Amino acid sequence: QRKLIDDTVDMAISALSENKGEWIEKEMFDGDTAYECSECGELFCLVDGTPTDNLYNFCPNCGADMRGE
């Protein structure tokens, strides 16, 4: 049921969001990896995995659809 709710929310946000983006992997000065939104340029550092691994289907800053569809 949770998956159905998540999919429904994703569809609703996608319908409202016209901007499509992608995560750009950036190597940081300390050796960590950050991910930049191609639409707004905001950088995100994650504790583990990639944005896709963590189900970041949309940029938390600008709302860009990051699903690549």
C-alpha atoms as a PDB file:
ATOM      1  CA  GLN A   1       0.000   0.000   0.000  1.00  0.00           C
ATOM      2  CA  ARG A   2       2.896   2.359   0.772  1.00  0.00           C
ATOM      3  CA  LYS A   3       4.286   1.810  -2.761  1.00  0.00           C
ATOM      4  CA  LEU A   4       0.913   2.740  -4.259  1.00  0.00           C
ATOM      5  CA  ILE A   5       0.808   5.932  -2.203  1.00  0.00           C
ATOM      6  CA  ASP A   6       4.406   6.807  -3.180  1.00  0.00           C
ATOM      7  CA  ASP A   7       3.653   6.189  -6.865  1.00  0.00           C
ATOM      8  CA  THR A   8       0.499   8.315  -6.677  1.00  0.00           C
ATOM      9  CA  VAL A   9       2.358  11.189  -5.018  1.00  0.00           C
ATOM     10  CA  ASP A  10       5.151  10.934  -7.618  1.00  0.00           C
ATOM     11  CA  MET A  11       2.597  11.093 -10.446  1.00  0.00           C
ATOM     12  CA  ALA A  12       0.885  14.134  -8.917  1.00  0.00           C
ATOM     13  CA  ILE A  13       4.152  15.988  -8.407  1.00  0.00           C
ATOM     14  CA  SER A  14       5.290  15.085 -11.909  1.00  0.00           C
ATOM     15  CA  ALA A  15       2.083  16.501 -13.366  1.00  0.00           C
ATOM     16  CA  LEU A  16       2.743  19.771 -11.552  1.00  0.00           C
ATOM     17  CA  SER A  17       6.458  19.852 -12.273  1.00  0.00           C
ATOM     18  CA  GLU A  18       7.501  20.859 -15.757  1.00  0.00           C
ATOM     19  CA  ASN A  19      11.225  20.882 -15.066  1.00  0.00           C
ATOM     20  CA  LYS A  20      13.173  17.678 -15.556  1.00  0.00           C
ATOM     21  CA  GLY A  21      16.649  17.246 -14.173  1.00  0.00           C
ATOM     22  CA  GLU A  22      19.305  14.742 -13.364  1.00  0.00           C
ATOM     23  CA  TRP A  23      21.714  14.106 -10.535  1.00  0.00           C
ATOM     24  CA  ILE A  24      25.299  15.062 -11.388  1.00  0.00           C
ATOM     25  CA  GLU A  25      27.931  13.292  -9.304  1.00  0.00           C
ATOM     26  CA  LYS A  26      30.528  15.703  -7.869  1.00  0.00           C
ATOM     27  CA  GLU A  27      33.768  14.705  -6.149  1.00  0.00           C
ATOM     28  CA  MET A  28      34.290  16.879  -3.077  1.00  0.00           C
ATOM     29  CA  PHE A  29      37.645  18.138  -1.766  1.00  0.00           C
ATOM     30  CA  ASP A  30      37.547  15.696   1.177  1.00  0.00           C
ATOM     31  CA  GLY A  31      36.993  12.648  -1.060  1.00  0.00           C
ATOM     32  CA  ASP A  32      33.266  12.421  -0.389  1.00  0.00           C
ATOM     33  CA  THR A  33      30.726  12.450  -3.204  1.00  0.00           C
ATOM     34  CA  ALA A  34      27.926  14.994  -3.500  1.00  0.00           C
ATOM     35  CA  TYR A  35      25.094  15.126  -6.016  1.00  0.00           C
ATOM     36  CA  GLU A  36      24.141  18.319  -7.824  1.00  0.00           C
ATOM     37  CA  CYS A  37      20.704  19.022  -9.265  1.00  0.00           C
ATOM     38  CA  SER A  38      21.131  19.919 -12.951  1.00  0.00           C
ATOM     39  CA  GLU A  39      18.220  22.380 -12.682  1.00  0.00           C
ATOM     40  CA  CYS A  40      18.988  24.483  -9.608  1.00  0.00           C
ATOM     41  CA  GLY A  41      22.616  23.580  -8.855  1.00  0.00           C
ATOM     42  CA  GLU A  42      21.910  22.647  -5.234  1.00  0.00           C
ATOM     43  CA  LEU A  43      24.391  20.115  -3.819  1.00  0.00           C
ATOM     44  CA  PHE A  44      23.272  17.194  -1.671  1.00  0.00           C
ATOM     45  CA  CYS A  45      25.501  14.965   0.429  1.00  0.00           C
ATOM     46  CA  LEU A  46      24.107  11.581   1.412  1.00  0.00           C
ATOM     47  CA  VAL A  47      25.243   9.320   4.224  1.00  0.00           C
ATOM     48  CA  ASP A  48      24.939   6.185   2.097  1.00  0.00           C
ATOM     49  CA  GLY A  49      24.184   5.416  -1.543  1.00  0.00           C
ATOM     50  CA  THR A  50      23.103   7.605  -4.424  1.00  0.00           C
ATOM     51  CA  PRO A  51      19.978   9.764  -4.762  1.00  0.00           C
ATOM     52  CA  THR A  52      18.417   6.978  -6.844  1.00  0.00           C
ATOM     53  CA  ASP A  53      19.274   4.395  -4.150  1.00  0.00           C
ATOM     54  CA  ASN A  54      17.551   6.646  -1.615  1.00  0.00           C
ATOM     55  CA  LEU A  55      14.475   7.220  -3.813  1.00  0.00           C
ATOM     56  CA  TYR A  56      15.137  10.918  -4.415  1.00  0.00           C
ATOM     57  CA  ASN A  57      12.779  11.052  -7.406  1.00  0.00           C
ATOM     58  CA  PHE A  58      12.556  14.837  -7.161  1.00  0.00           C
ATOM     59  CA  CYS A  59      15.003  17.535  -6.134  1.00  0.00           C
ATOM     60  CA  PRO A  60      14.161  18.571  -2.561  1.00  0.00           C
ATOM     61  CA  ASN A  61      15.177  22.154  -3.373  1.00  0.00           C
ATOM     62  CA  CYS A  62      13.436  22.976  -6.677  1.00  0.00           C
ATOM     63  CA  GLY A  63      11.130  20.003  -7.251  1.00  0.00           C
ATOM     64  CA  ALA A  64      12.685  18.952 -10.584  1.00  0.00           C
ATOM     65  CA  ASP A  65      11.631  15.488 -11.715  1.00  0.00           C
ATOM     66  CA  MET A  66      14.793  13.380 -11.469  1.00  0.00           C
ATOM     67  CA  ARG A  67      13.383  10.079 -12.692  1.00  0.00           C
ATOM     68  CA  GLY A  68      14.811  10.466 -16.191  1.00  0.00           C
ATOM     69  CA  GLU A  69      11.601   9.386 -17.899  1.00  0.00           C
END
